[in-house]
Amino acid sequence: MKIRYCWRCKMDVPMLDEEEGNIASQLYTEGFQEIKKTKKHTVENFKKLLDYYKDLTGFEETNPNAIMHHFIDMYGPNCENCGKPYRTKTATFCPKCGNKRKF
């Protein structure tokens, strides 16, 4: 787990590493399996995922979908100018400060 800026949330959030992300993905899948069983789509279906994220990070996320884009490896390295992560590993432009990345 590492604190990084999230472009969608527009704030620093705990991002999950590969192993943590794999566990979160499995719990997310279980939430959808629960929906199929109960025929009800509520946040309660994803309680295991939300609890896992809170226990791991201390951050009380209420949207299970948000957790699924809080994976470290989804983003690129930090911008050399402003320090925010590039939106992708192959991004050449930082939308925050306009820096053009050199490879």
PDB file of N, CA and C in Angstrom:
ATOM      1  N   MET A   1       0.839  -1.172   0.000  1.00  0.00           N
ATOM      2  CA  MET A   1       0.000   0.000   0.000  1.00  0.00           C
ATOM      3  C   MET A   1       0.884   1.234   0.000  1.00  0.00           C
ATOM      4  N   LYS A   2       0.467   2.215  -0.770  1.00  0.00           N
ATOM      5  CA  LYS A   2       1.222   3.452  -0.891  1.00  0.00           C
ATOM      6  C   LYS A   2       0.230   4.588  -1.150  1.00  0.00           C
ATOM      7  N   ILE A   3       0.460   5.731  -0.541  1.00  0.00           N
ATOM      8  CA  ILE A   3      -0.386   6.895  -0.771  1.00  0.00           C
ATOM      9  C   ILE A   3       0.048   7.558  -2.074  1.00  0.00           C
ATOM     10  N   ARG A   4      -0.905   7.710  -2.997  1.00  0.00           N
ATOM     11  CA  ARG A   4      -0.645   8.365  -4.286  1.00  0.00           C
ATOM     12  C   ARG A   4      -1.864   9.173  -4.682  1.00  0.00           C
ATOM     13  N   TYR A   5      -1.641  10.098  -5.568  1.00  0.00           N
ATOM     14  CA  TYR A   5      -2.727  10.931  -6.072  1.00  0.00           C
ATOM     15  C   TYR A   5      -3.584  10.127  -7.049  1.00  0.00           C
ATOM     16  N   CYS A   6      -4.909  10.228  -6.904  1.00  0.00           N
ATOM     17  CA  CYS A   6      -5.845   9.577  -7.808  1.00  0.00           C
ATOM     18  C   CYS A   6      -6.500  10.651  -8.670  1.00  0.00           C
ATOM     19  N   TRP A   7      -6.387  10.499  -9.984  1.00  0.00           N
ATOM     20  CA  TRP A   7      -6.940  11.482 -10.914  1.00  0.00           C
ATOM     21  C   TRP A   7      -8.454  11.494 -10.883  1.00  0.00           C
ATOM     22  N   ARG A   8      -9.079  10.365 -10.645  1.00  0.00           N
ATOM     23  CA  ARG A   8     -10.545  10.314 -10.608  1.00  0.00           C
ATOM     24  C   ARG A   8     -11.092  10.934  -9.332  1.00  0.00           C
ATOM     25  N   CYS A   9     -10.452  10.639  -8.224  1.00  0.00           N
ATOM     26  CA  CYS A   9     -10.916  11.156  -6.921  1.00  0.00           C
ATOM     27  C   CYS A   9     -10.414  12.578  -6.652  1.00  0.00           C
ATOM     28  N   LYS A  10      -9.380  12.973  -7.380  1.00  0.00           N
ATOM     29  CA  LYS A  10      -8.747  14.287  -7.231  1.00  0.00           C
ATOM     30  C   LYS A  10      -8.221  14.527  -5.808  1.00  0.00           C
ATOM     31  N   MET A  11      -7.595  13.483  -5.266  1.00  0.00           N
ATOM     32  CA  MET A  11      -6.990  13.578  -3.936  1.00  0.00           C
ATOM     33  C   MET A  11      -6.018  12.414  -3.743  1.00  0.00           C
ATOM     34  N   ASP A  12      -5.180  12.545  -2.711  1.00  0.00           N
ATOM     35  CA  ASP A  12      -4.280  11.456  -2.356  1.00  0.00           C
ATOM     36  C   ASP A  12      -5.083  10.366  -1.655  1.00  0.00           C
ATOM     37  N   VAL A  13      -4.886   9.130  -2.087  1.00  0.00           N
ATOM     38  CA  VAL A  13      -5.588   7.989  -1.506  1.00  0.00           C
ATOM     39  C   VAL A  13      -4.623   6.824  -1.357  1.00  0.00           C
ATOM     40  N   PRO A  14      -4.956   5.870  -0.498  1.00  0.00           N
ATOM     41  CA  PRO A  14      -4.137   4.658  -0.406  1.00  0.00           C
ATOM     42  C   PRO A  14      -4.328   3.807  -1.662  1.00  0.00           C
ATOM     43  N   MET A  15      -3.233   3.505  -2.328  1.00  0.00           N
ATOM     44  CA  MET A  15      -3.240   2.657  -3.521  1.00  0.00           C
ATOM     45  C   MET A  15      -2.699   1.281  -3.141  1.00  0.00           C
ATOM     46  N   LEU A  16      -3.291   0.256  -3.707  1.00  0.00           N
ATOM     47  CA  LEU A  16      -2.928  -1.110  -3.373  1.00  0.00           C
ATOM     48  C   LEU A  16      -1.833  -1.640  -4.295  1.00  0.00           C
ATOM     49  N   ASP A  17      -0.927  -2.438  -3.713  1.00  0.00           N
ATOM     50  CA  ASP A  17       0.098  -3.083  -4.531  1.00  0.00           C
ATOM     51  C   ASP A  17      -0.513  -4.309  -5.219  1.00  0.00           C
ATOM     52  N   GLU A  18       0.271  -5.042  -5.960  1.00  0.00           N
ATOM     53  CA  GLU A  18      -0.256  -6.143  -6.760  1.00  0.00           C
ATOM     54  C   GLU A  18      -0.946  -7.214  -5.914  1.00  0.00           C
ATOM     55  N   GLU A  19      -0.300  -7.639  -4.839  1.00  0.00           N
ATOM     56  CA  GLU A  19      -0.877  -8.686  -3.985  1.00  0.00           C
ATOM     57  C   GLU A  19      -2.172  -8.212  -3.326  1.00  0.00           C
ATOM     58  N   GLU A  20      -2.152  -7.001  -2.785  1.00  0.00           N
ATOM     59  CA  GLU A  20      -3.348  -6.439  -2.157  1.00  0.00           C
ATOM     60  C   GLU A  20      -4.458  -6.254  -3.187  1.00  0.00           C
ATOM     61  N   GLY A  21      -4.084  -5.826  -4.390  1.00  0.00           N
ATOM     62  CA  GLY A  21      -5.047  -5.646  -5.466  1.00  0.00           C
ATOM     63  C   GLY A  21      -5.699  -6.952  -5.891  1.00  0.00           C
ATOM     64  N   ASN A  22      -4.930  -8.025  -5.898  1.00  0.00           N
ATOM     65  CA  ASN A  22      -5.491  -9.337  -6.241  1.00  0.00           C
ATOM     66  C   ASN A  22      -6.546  -9.759  -5.230  1.00  0.00           C
ATOM     67  N   ILE A  23      -6.282  -9.534  -3.955  1.00  0.00           N
ATOM     68  CA  ILE A  23      -7.256  -9.859  -2.908  1.00  0.00           C
ATOM     69  C   ILE A  23      -8.499  -8.992  -3.072  1.00  0.00           C
ATOM     70  N   ALA A  24      -8.305  -7.695  -3.299  1.00  0.00           N
ATOM     71  CA  ALA A  24      -9.429  -6.782  -3.489  1.00  0.00           C
ATOM     72  C   ALA A  24     -10.267  -7.192  -4.697  1.00  0.00           C
ATOM     73  N   SER A  25      -9.618  -7.591  -5.776  1.00  0.00           N
ATOM     74  CA  SER A  25     -10.339  -8.019  -6.977  1.00  0.00           C
ATOM     75  C   SER A  25     -11.195  -9.247  -6.697  1.00  0.00           C
ATOM     76  N   GLN A  26     -10.647 -10.177  -5.925  1.00  0.00           N
ATOM     77  CA  GLN A  26     -11.409 -11.384  -5.569  1.00  0.00           C
ATOM     78  C   GLN A  26     -12.632 -11.012  -4.723  1.00  0.00           C
ATOM     79  N   LEU A  27     -12.452 -10.110  -3.770  1.00  0.00           N
ATOM     80  CA  LEU A  27     -13.577  -9.682  -2.928  1.00  0.00           C
ATOM     81  C   LEU A  27     -14.618  -8.915  -3.737  1.00  0.00           C
ATOM     82  N   TYR A  28     -14.176  -8.176  -4.728  1.00  0.00           N
ATOM     83  CA  TYR A  28     -15.085  -7.452  -5.625  1.00  0.00           C
ATOM     84  C   TYR A  28     -15.934  -8.455  -6.414  1.00  0.00           C
ATOM     85  N   THR A  29     -15.283  -9.490  -6.922  1.00  0.00           N
ATOM     86  CA  THR A  29     -15.995 -10.549  -7.638  1.00  0.00           C
ATOM     87  C   THR A  29     -17.010 -11.231  -6.732  1.00  0.00           C
ATOM     88  N   GLU A  30     -16.625 -11.496  -5.497  1.00  0.00           N
ATOM     89  CA  GLU A  30     -17.547 -12.114  -4.532  1.00  0.00           C
ATOM     90  C   GLU A  30     -18.766 -11.227  -4.301  1.00  0.00           C
ATOM     91  N   GLY A  31     -18.568  -9.917  -4.312  1.00  0.00           N
ATOM     92  CA  GLY A  31     -19.692  -8.994  -4.155  1.00  0.00           C
ATOM     93  C   GLY A  31     -20.704  -9.153  -5.271  1.00  0.00           C
ATOM     94  N   PHE A  32     -20.234  -9.319  -6.500  1.00  0.00           N
ATOM     95  CA  PHE A  32     -21.144  -9.528  -7.621  1.00  0.00           C
ATOM     96  C   PHE A  32     -21.810 -10.896  -7.560  1.00  0.00           C
ATOM     97  N   GLN A  33     -21.092 -11.900  -7.059  1.00  0.00           N
ATOM     98  CA  GLN A  33     -21.694 -13.225  -6.875  1.00  0.00           C
ATOM     99  C   GLN A  33     -22.820 -13.152  -5.851  1.00  0.00           C
ATOM    100  N   GLU A  34     -22.630 -12.331  -4.835  1.00  0.00           N
ATOM    101  CA  GLU A  34     -23.659 -12.132  -3.808  1.00  0.00           C
ATOM    102  C   GLU A  34     -24.899 -11.471  -4.415  1.00  0.00           C
ATOM    103  N   ILE A  35     -24.687 -10.537  -5.323  1.00  0.00           N
ATOM    104  CA  ILE A  35     -25.813  -9.886  -6.008  1.00  0.00           C
ATOM    105  C   ILE A  35     -26.626 -10.921  -6.784  1.00  0.00           C
ATOM    106  N   LYS A  36     -25.937 -11.822  -7.467  1.00  0.00           N
ATOM    107  CA  LYS A  36     -26.633 -12.867  -8.223  1.00  0.00           C
ATOM    108  C   LYS A  36     -27.472 -13.753  -7.310  1.00  0.00           C
ATOM    109  N   LYS A  37     -26.924 -14.065  -6.126  1.00  0.00           N
ATOM    110  CA  LYS A  37     -27.641 -14.933  -5.191  1.00  0.00           C
ATOM    111  C   LYS A  37     -28.849 -14.241  -4.582  1.00  0.00           C
ATOM    112  N   THR A  38     -28.663 -13.012  -4.149  1.00  0.00           N
ATOM    113  CA  THR A  38     -29.716 -12.313  -3.410  1.00  0.00           C
ATOM    114  C   THR A  38     -30.661 -11.517  -4.296  1.00  0.00           C
ATOM    115  N   LYS A  39     -30.260 -11.291  -5.543  1.00  0.00           N
ATOM    116  CA  LYS A  39     -31.037 -10.465  -6.481  1.00  0.00           C
ATOM    117  C   LYS A  39     -31.217  -9.038  -5.977  1.00  0.00           C
ATOM    118  N   LYS A  40     -30.308  -8.612  -5.092  1.00  0.00           N
ATOM    119  CA  LYS A  40     -30.323  -7.253  -4.561  1.00  0.00           C
ATOM    120  C   LYS A  40     -28.959  -6.628  -4.771  1.00  0.00           C
ATOM    121  N   HIS A  41     -28.940  -5.404  -5.252  1.00  0.00           N
ATOM    122  CA  HIS A  41     -27.683  -4.694  -5.490  1.00  0.00           C
ATOM    123  C   HIS A  41     -27.567  -3.591  -4.439  1.00  0.00           C
ATOM    124  N   THR A  42     -26.835  -3.897  -3.376  1.00  0.00           N
ATOM    125  CA  THR A  42     -26.614  -2.907  -2.324  1.00  0.00           C
ATOM    126  C   THR A  42     -25.133  -2.868  -1.978  1.00  0.00           C
ATOM    127  N   VAL A  43     -24.748  -1.832  -1.281  1.00  0.00           N
ATOM    128  CA  VAL A  43     -23.347  -1.710  -0.845  1.00  0.00           C
ATOM    129  C   VAL A  43     -22.996  -2.853   0.112  1.00  0.00           C
ATOM    130  N   GLU A  44     -23.983  -3.424   0.770  1.00  0.00           N
ATOM    131  CA  GLU A  44     -23.744  -4.546   1.685  1.00  0.00           C
ATOM    132  C   GLU A  44     -23.135  -5.754   0.971  1.00  0.00           C
ATOM    133  N   ASN A  45     -23.419  -5.904  -0.319  1.00  0.00           N
ATOM    134  CA  ASN A  45     -22.842  -7.010  -1.085  1.00  0.00           C
ATOM    135  C   ASN A  45     -21.316  -6.910  -1.139  1.00  0.00           C
ATOM    136  N   PHE A  46     -20.808  -5.715  -0.961  1.00  0.00           N
ATOM    137  CA  PHE A  46     -19.367  -5.466  -1.060  1.00  0.00           C
ATOM    138  C   PHE A  46     -18.728  -5.165   0.298  1.00  0.00           C
ATOM    139  N   LYS A  47     -19.414  -5.535   1.360  1.00  0.00           N
ATOM    140  CA  LYS A  47     -18.924  -5.245   2.716  1.00  0.00           C
ATOM    141  C   LYS A  47     -17.536  -5.835   2.960  1.00  0.00           C
ATOM    142  N   LYS A  48     -17.299  -7.053   2.502  1.00  0.00           N
ATOM    143  CA  LYS A  48     -15.978  -7.681   2.695  1.00  0.00           C
ATOM    144  C   LYS A  48     -14.879  -6.843   2.045  1.00  0.00           C
ATOM    145  N   LEU A  49     -15.133  -6.356   0.842  1.00  0.00           N
ATOM    146  CA  LEU A  49     -14.151  -5.534   0.141  1.00  0.00           C
ATOM    147  C   LEU A  49     -13.932  -4.217   0.878  1.00  0.00           C
ATOM    148  N   LEU A  50     -15.004  -3.547   1.249  1.00  0.00           N
ATOM    149  CA  LEU A  50     -14.889  -2.266   1.944  1.00  0.00           C
ATOM    150  C   LEU A  50     -14.180  -2.430   3.284  1.00  0.00           C
ATOM    151  N   ASP A  51     -14.497  -3.508   4.006  1.00  0.00           N
ATOM    152  CA  ASP A  51     -13.828  -3.777   5.289  1.00  0.00           C
ATOM    153  C   ASP A  51     -12.347  -4.088   5.086  1.00  0.00           C
ATOM    154  N   TYR A  52     -12.028  -4.876   4.057  1.00  0.00           N
ATOM    155  CA  TYR A  52     -10.632  -5.213   3.762  1.00  0.00           C
ATOM    156  C   TYR A  52      -9.836  -3.933   3.499  1.00  0.00           C
ATOM    157  N   TYR A  53     -10.366  -3.063   2.662  1.00  0.00           N
ATOM    158  CA  TYR A  53      -9.673  -1.823   2.316  1.00  0.00           C
ATOM    159  C   TYR A  53      -9.485  -0.942   3.547  1.00  0.00           C
ATOM    160  N   LYS A  54     -10.513  -0.847   4.367  1.00  0.00           N
ATOM    161  CA  LYS A  54     -10.402  -0.024   5.575  1.00  0.00           C
ATOM    162  C   LYS A  54      -9.386  -0.616   6.550  1.00  0.00           C
ATOM    163  N   ASP A  55      -9.436  -1.925   6.759  1.00  0.00           N
ATOM    164  CA  ASP A  55      -8.488  -2.572   7.676  1.00  0.00           C
ATOM    165  C   ASP A  55      -7.051  -2.418   7.187  1.00  0.00           C
ATOM    166  N   LEU A  56      -6.858  -2.500   5.891  1.00  0.00           N
ATOM    167  CA  LEU A  56      -5.525  -2.420   5.303  1.00  0.00           C
ATOM    168  C   LEU A  56      -4.981  -0.992   5.287  1.00  0.00           C
ATOM    169  N   THR A  57      -5.842  -0.033   4.958  1.00  0.00           N
ATOM    170  CA  THR A  57      -5.378   1.328   4.705  1.00  0.00           C
ATOM    171  C   THR A  57      -5.757   2.346   5.770  1.00  0.00           C
ATOM    172  N   GLY A  58      -6.795   2.033   6.555  1.00  0.00           N
ATOM    173  CA  GLY A  58      -7.308   3.001   7.520  1.00  0.00           C
ATOM    174  C   GLY A  58      -8.242   4.022   6.883  1.00  0.00           C
ATOM    175  N   PHE A  59      -8.459   3.909   5.577  1.00  0.00           N
ATOM    176  CA  PHE A  59      -9.297   4.841   4.813  1.00  0.00           C
ATOM    177  C   PHE A  59     -10.666   4.204   4.627  1.00  0.00           C
ATOM    178  N   GLU A  60     -11.707   4.901   5.057  1.00  0.00           N
ATOM    179  CA  GLU A  60     -13.058   4.340   4.965  1.00  0.00           C
ATOM    180  C   GLU A  60     -13.702   4.726   3.639  1.00  0.00           C
ATOM    181  N   GLU A  61     -13.480   3.888   2.644  1.00  0.00           N
ATOM    182  CA  GLU A  61     -14.084   4.091   1.329  1.00  0.00           C
ATOM    183  C   GLU A  61     -15.510   3.560   1.363  1.00  0.00           C
ATOM    184  N   THR A  62     -16.428   4.254   0.717  1.00  0.00           N
ATOM    185  CA  THR A  62     -17.824   3.825   0.687  1.00  0.00           C
ATOM    186  C   THR A  62     -18.254   3.332  -0.688  1.00  0.00           C
ATOM    187  N   ASN A  63     -17.399   3.506  -1.682  1.00  0.00           N
ATOM    188  CA  ASN A  63     -17.726   3.107  -3.042  1.00  0.00           C
ATOM    189  C   ASN A  63     -16.792   1.977  -3.474  1.00  0.00           C
ATOM    190  N   PRO A  64     -17.317   0.768  -3.609  1.00  0.00           N
ATOM    191  CA  PRO A  64     -16.446  -0.350  -4.005  1.00  0.00           C
ATOM    192  C   PRO A  64     -15.803  -0.139  -5.365  1.00  0.00           C
ATOM    193  N   ASN A  65     -16.469   0.560  -6.279  1.00  0.00           N
ATOM    194  CA  ASN A  65     -15.894   0.812  -7.599  1.00  0.00           C
ATOM    195  C   ASN A  65     -14.641   1.679  -7.508  1.00  0.00           C
ATOM    196  N   ALA A  66     -14.615   2.596  -6.563  1.00  0.00           N
ATOM    197  CA  ALA A  66     -13.447   3.464  -6.399  1.00  0.00           C
ATOM    198  C   ALA A  66     -12.210   2.646  -6.027  1.00  0.00           C
ATOM    199  N   ILE A  67     -12.391   1.659  -5.180  1.00  0.00           N
ATOM    200  CA  ILE A  67     -11.263   0.822  -4.767  1.00  0.00           C
ATOM    201  C   ILE A  67     -10.629   0.147  -5.980  1.00  0.00           C
ATOM    202  N   MET A  68     -11.435  -0.193  -6.958  1.00  0.00           N
ATOM    203  CA  MET A  68     -10.932  -0.926  -8.116  1.00  0.00           C
ATOM    204  C   MET A  68     -10.077  -0.077  -9.051  1.00  0.00           C
ATOM    205  N   HIS A  69     -10.000   1.207  -8.823  1.00  0.00           N
ATOM    206  CA  HIS A  69      -9.032   2.007  -9.577  1.00  0.00           C
ATOM    207  C   HIS A  69      -7.972   2.612  -8.655  1.00  0.00           C
ATOM    208  N   HIS A  70      -7.837   2.028  -7.479  1.00  0.00           N
ATOM    209  CA  HIS A  70      -6.789   2.444  -6.543  1.00  0.00           C
ATOM    210  C   HIS A  70      -5.702   1.377  -6.465  1.00  0.00           C
ATOM    211  N   PHE A  71      -5.178   1.020  -7.636  1.00  0.00           N
ATOM    212  CA  PHE A  71      -4.092   0.054  -7.738  1.00  0.00           C
ATOM    213  C   PHE A  71      -2.855   0.793  -8.236  1.00  0.00           C
ATOM    214  N   ILE A  72      -1.755   0.643  -7.538  1.00  0.00           N
ATOM    215  CA  ILE A  72      -0.510   1.341  -7.879  1.00  0.00           C
ATOM    216  C   ILE A  72      -0.124   1.119  -9.332  1.00  0.00           C
ATOM    217  N   ASP A  73      -0.221  -0.118  -9.801  1.00  0.00           N
ATOM    218  CA  ASP A  73       0.281  -0.423 -11.141  1.00  0.00           C
ATOM    219  C   ASP A  73      -0.611   0.070 -12.280  1.00  0.00           C
ATOM    220  N   MET A  74      -1.723   0.719 -11.969  1.00  0.00           N
ATOM    221  CA  MET A  74      -2.566   1.307 -13.008  1.00  0.00           C
ATOM    222  C   MET A  74      -2.014   2.649 -13.488  1.00  0.00           C
ATOM    223  N   TYR A  75      -1.177   3.266 -12.687  1.00  0.00           N
ATOM    224  CA  TYR A  75      -0.678   4.604 -12.969  1.00  0.00           C
ATOM    225  C   TYR A  75       0.801   4.556 -13.334  1.00  0.00           C
ATOM    226  N   GLY A  76       1.264   5.634 -13.914  1.00  0.00           N
ATOM    227  CA  GLY A  76       2.669   5.736 -14.284  1.00  0.00           C
ATOM    228  C   GLY A  76       3.512   6.269 -13.146  1.00  0.00           C
ATOM    229  N   PRO A  77       4.774   6.558 -13.442  1.00  0.00           N
ATOM    230  CA  PRO A  77       5.654   7.127 -12.416  1.00  0.00           C
ATOM    231  C   PRO A  77       5.236   8.566 -12.098  1.00  0.00           C
ATOM    232  N   ASN A  78       5.810   9.096 -11.051  1.00  0.00           N
ATOM    233  CA  ASN A  78       5.516  10.482 -10.686  1.00  0.00           C
ATOM    234  C   ASN A  78       6.137  11.443 -11.690  1.00  0.00           C
ATOM    235  N   CYS A  79       5.438  12.523 -11.953  1.00  0.00           N
ATOM    236  CA  CYS A  79       5.926  13.578 -12.836  1.00  0.00           C
ATOM    237  C   CYS A  79       7.192  14.179 -12.230  1.00  0.00           C
ATOM    238  N   GLU A  80       8.180  14.431 -13.060  1.00  0.00           N
ATOM    239  CA  GLU A  80       9.443  15.002 -12.612  1.00  0.00           C
ATOM    240  C   GLU A  80       9.273  16.439 -12.137  1.00  0.00           C
ATOM    241  N   ASN A  81       8.217  17.107 -12.574  1.00  0.00           N
ATOM    242  CA  ASN A  81       8.003  18.515 -12.255  1.00  0.00           C
ATOM    243  C   ASN A  81       7.107  18.720 -11.027  1.00  0.00           C
ATOM    244  N   CYS A  82       5.915  18.104 -11.026  1.00  0.00           N
ATOM    245  CA  CYS A  82       4.949  18.375  -9.952  1.00  0.00           C
ATOM    246  C   CYS A  82       4.792  17.234  -8.952  1.00  0.00           C
ATOM    247  N   GLY A  83       5.255  16.042  -9.302  1.00  0.00           N
ATOM    248  CA  GLY A  83       5.191  14.917  -8.380  1.00  0.00           C
ATOM    249  C   GLY A  83       3.912  14.093  -8.450  1.00  0.00           C
ATOM    250  N   LYS A  84       2.919  14.530  -9.207  1.00  0.00           N
ATOM    251  CA  LYS A  84       1.695  13.736  -9.369  1.00  0.00           C
ATOM    252  C   LYS A  84       2.005  12.591 -10.331  1.00  0.00           C
ATOM    253  N   PRO A  85       1.356  11.443 -10.147  1.00  0.00           N
ATOM    254  CA  PRO A  85       1.650  10.340 -11.062  1.00  0.00           C
ATOM    255  C   PRO A  85       1.076  10.610 -12.453  1.00  0.00           C
ATOM    256  N   TYR A  86       1.797  10.155 -13.457  1.00  0.00           N
ATOM    257  CA  TYR A  86       1.230  10.176 -14.798  1.00  0.00           C
ATOM    258  C   TYR A  86       0.011   9.255 -14.799  1.00  0.00           C
ATOM    259  N   ARG A  87      -0.959   9.554 -15.628  1.00  0.00           N
ATOM    260  CA  ARG A  87      -2.216   8.786 -15.620  1.00  0.00           C
ATOM    261  C   ARG A  87      -2.033   7.337 -16.060  1.00  0.00           C
ATOM    262  N   THR A  88      -1.038   7.095 -16.890  1.00  0.00           N
ATOM    263  CA  THR A  88      -0.736   5.729 -17.328  1.00  0.00           C
ATOM    264  C   THR A  88       0.778   5.551 -17.380  1.00  0.00           C
ATOM    265  N   LYS A  89       1.209   4.317 -17.543  1.00  0.00           N
ATOM    266  CA  LYS A  89       2.645   4.031 -17.628  1.00  0.00           C
ATOM    267  C   LYS A  89       3.269   4.604 -18.888  1.00  0.00           C
ATOM    268  N   THR A  90       2.470   4.794 -19.934  1.00  0.00           N
ATOM    269  CA  THR A  90       3.010   5.277 -21.200  1.00  0.00           C
ATOM    270  C   THR A  90       2.678   6.744 -21.478  1.00  0.00           C
ATOM    271  N   ALA A  91       2.048   7.415 -20.532  1.00  0.00           N
ATOM    272  CA  ALA A  91       1.680   8.823 -20.730  1.00  0.00           C
ATOM    273  C   ALA A  91       2.925   9.673 -20.979  1.00  0.00           C
ATOM    274  N   THR A  92       2.791  10.640 -21.866  1.00  0.00           N
ATOM    275  CA  THR A  92       3.920  11.517 -22.198  1.00  0.00           C
ATOM    276  C   THR A  92       3.686  12.947 -21.739  1.00  0.00           C
ATOM    277  N   PHE A  93       2.505  13.201 -21.164  1.00  0.00           N
ATOM    278  CA  PHE A  93       2.106  14.561 -20.791  1.00  0.00           C
ATOM    279  C   PHE A  93       1.460  14.522 -19.414  1.00  0.00           C
ATOM    280  N   CYS A  94       1.856  15.434 -18.536  1.00  0.00           N
ATOM    281  CA  CYS A  94       1.246  15.539 -17.213  1.00  0.00           C
ATOM    282  C   CYS A  94       0.106  16.558 -17.294  1.00  0.00           C
ATOM    283  N   PRO A  95      -1.130  16.128 -17.038  1.00  0.00           N
ATOM    284  CA  PRO A  95      -2.250  17.059 -17.126  1.00  0.00           C
ATOM    285  C   PRO A  95      -2.275  18.081 -15.987  1.00  0.00           C
ATOM    286  N   LYS A  96      -1.583  17.821 -14.921  1.00  0.00           N
ATOM    287  CA  LYS A  96      -1.565  18.745 -13.783  1.00  0.00           C
ATOM    288  C   LYS A  96      -0.704  19.969 -14.067  1.00  0.00           C
ATOM    289  N   CYS A  97       0.509  19.738 -14.592  1.00  0.00           N
ATOM    290  CA  CYS A  97       1.437  20.863 -14.757  1.00  0.00           C
ATOM    291  C   CYS A  97       1.873  21.096 -16.202  1.00  0.00           C
ATOM    292  N   GLY A  98       1.512  20.174 -17.092  1.00  0.00           N
ATOM    293  CA  GLY A  98       1.878  20.339 -18.493  1.00  0.00           C
ATOM    294  C   GLY A  98       3.255  19.810 -18.866  1.00  0.00           C
ATOM    295  N   ASN A  99       3.953  19.225 -17.908  1.00  0.00           N
ATOM    296  CA  ASN A  99       5.292  18.684 -18.181  1.00  0.00           C
ATOM    297  C   ASN A  99       5.244  17.621 -19.274  1.00  0.00           C
ATOM    298  N   LYS A 100       6.194  17.676 -20.185  1.00  0.00           N
ATOM    299  CA  LYS A 100       6.330  16.653 -21.213  1.00  0.00           C
ATOM    300  C   LYS A 100       7.388  15.660 -20.752  1.00  0.00           C
ATOM    301  N   ARG A 101       6.951  14.441 -20.570  1.00  0.00           N
ATOM    302  CA  ARG A 101       7.813  13.383 -20.052  1.00  0.00           C
ATOM    303  C   ARG A 101       8.848  12.959 -21.085  1.00  0.00           C
ATOM    304  N   LYS A 102      10.059  12.754 -20.591  1.00  0.00           N
ATOM    305  CA  LYS A 102      11.138  12.248 -21.434  1.00  0.00           C
ATOM    306  C   LYS A 102      11.396  10.793 -21.068  1.00  0.00           C
ATOM    307  N   PHE A 103      11.425   9.948 -22.070  1.00  0.00           N
ATOM    308  CA  PHE A 103      11.665   8.511 -21.819  1.00  0.00           C
ATOM    309  C   PHE A 103      13.121   8.188 -21.926  1.00  0.00           C
TER     310      PHE A 103
END
